[in-house]
Amino acid sequence: MTDARAIAEKARGVPGVAGLSGGPFGTVSTYLPGERLVGVAVRDSGVEISIVAREGHPLPQLAAKVRRAVAGLAGGRPVNIRIDDLEETS
């Protein structure tokens, strides 16, 4: 079984990731016993992670870093990264 919480933790730990997002209409989520984990959707067809990026990090490279960080936790499924928002630095 793929651990959605571990995937979320790894994704949040990548430098340049400000947080996770539910995506449009909150559809990027995994339902766990007693909770809804927002920002990671684990499906048979793949894993989708929706992030909020920090300004100053090239987005294609950031997506690749997140993908690499969680690849070992995805159970062989493809990992798709969505960048839903950008957090500006002050």
Protein backbone atom coordinates (compact mmCIF):
# COMPACT_ATOMS: atom_id res chain seq x y z
CA MET A 1 0.00 0.00 0.00
CA THR A 2 1.27 3.45 -0.91
CA ASP A 3 1.58 5.75 2.11
CA ALA A 4 0.00 9.07 1.15
CA ARG A 5 1.16 10.72 4.39
CA ALA A 6 4.80 9.81 3.70
CA ILE A 7 4.49 11.14 0.15
CA ALA A 8 3.03 14.42 1.46
CA GLU A 9 5.85 14.75 4.00
CA LYS A 10 8.55 14.15 1.39
CA ALA A 11 6.96 16.61 -1.05
CA ARG A 12 6.67 19.33 1.61
CA GLY A 13 10.35 18.81 2.49
CA VAL A 14 11.65 19.68 -0.97
CA PRO A 15 13.28 23.13 -0.96
CA GLY A 16 11.07 25.46 -2.97
CA VAL A 17 7.81 23.82 -1.93
CA ALA A 18 5.78 26.21 0.25
CA GLY A 19 2.99 23.70 0.83
CA LEU A 20 0.43 21.41 -0.74
CA SER A 21 -2.80 22.41 -2.44
CA GLY A 22 -6.07 20.64 -3.05
CA GLY A 23 -6.09 21.85 -6.63
CA PRO A 24 -9.21 23.10 -8.35
CA PHE A 25 -12.30 22.13 -6.38
CA GLY A 26 -10.15 20.26 -3.83
CA THR A 27 -9.93 17.16 -6.00
CA VAL A 28 -6.28 16.41 -5.25
CA SER A 29 -6.68 14.49 -2.01
CA THR A 30 -6.62 11.05 -0.47
CA TYR A 31 -9.27 9.85 1.94
CA LEU A 32 -7.82 8.10 4.96
CA PRO A 33 -9.62 6.74 8.01
CA GLY A 34 -11.01 9.81 9.76
CA GLU A 35 -9.30 12.38 7.56
CA ARG A 36 -8.84 13.82 4.12
CA LEU A 37 -5.20 14.41 3.16
CA VAL A 38 -5.12 17.40 0.83
CA GLY A 39 -2.47 17.76 -1.87
CA VAL A 40 -1.78 14.09 -2.62
CA ALA A 41 -4.07 11.82 -4.62
CA VAL A 42 -3.05 8.16 -4.69
CA ARG A 43 -4.87 6.24 -7.40
CA ASP A 44 -4.30 2.94 -9.18
CA SER A 45 -3.23 4.87 -12.29
CA GLY A 46 -0.70 7.09 -10.52
CA VAL A 47 0.09 9.59 -7.80
CA GLU A 48 -0.82 13.25 -8.22
CA ILE A 49 0.78 15.89 -6.03
CA SER A 50 -0.41 19.48 -6.09
CA ILE A 51 2.08 22.01 -4.72
CA VAL A 52 2.44 25.69 -3.94
CA ALA A 53 5.88 26.75 -5.14
CA ARG A 54 8.10 29.41 -3.62
CA GLU A 55 9.17 32.23 -5.89
CA GLY A 56 12.75 31.96 -7.16
CA HIS A 57 12.70 28.24 -7.90
CA PRO A 58 12.49 27.26 -11.59
CA LEU A 59 9.19 25.40 -11.85
CA PRO A 60 10.18 22.54 -14.19
CA GLN A 61 13.20 21.72 -12.01
CA LEU A 62 11.11 21.98 -8.83
CA ALA A 63 8.55 19.54 -10.22
CA ALA A 64 11.36 17.14 -11.14
CA LYS A 65 12.84 17.39 -7.62
CA VAL A 66 9.49 16.59 -6.02
CA ARG A 67 8.98 13.67 -8.41
CA ARG A 68 12.43 12.26 -7.53
CA ALA A 69 11.88 12.77 -3.80
CA VAL A 70 8.69 10.69 -3.74
CA ALA A 71 9.42 8.14 -6.49
CA GLY A 72 10.45 5.43 -4.04
CA LEU A 73 7.16 5.81 -2.14
CA ALA A 74 4.86 5.67 -5.17
CA GLY A 75 4.78 1.90 -5.47
CA GLY A 76 5.92 1.95 -9.10
CA ARG A 77 3.12 4.32 -10.14
CA PRO A 78 3.81 7.37 -12.29
CA VAL A 79 4.05 10.60 -10.29
CA ASN A 80 2.43 13.73 -11.71
CA ILE A 81 3.15 17.13 -10.21
CA ARG A 82 0.76 20.09 -10.45
CA ILE A 83 1.93 23.57 -9.54
CA ASP A 84 -1.22 25.34 -8.43
CA ASP A 85 0.12 28.52 -6.92
CA LEU A 86 3.24 30.60 -6.36
CA GLU A 87 4.17 32.09 -3.00
CA GLU A 88 5.99 35.38 -3.35
CA THR A 89 8.92 36.21 -1.12
CA SER A 90 8.83 39.56 0.62
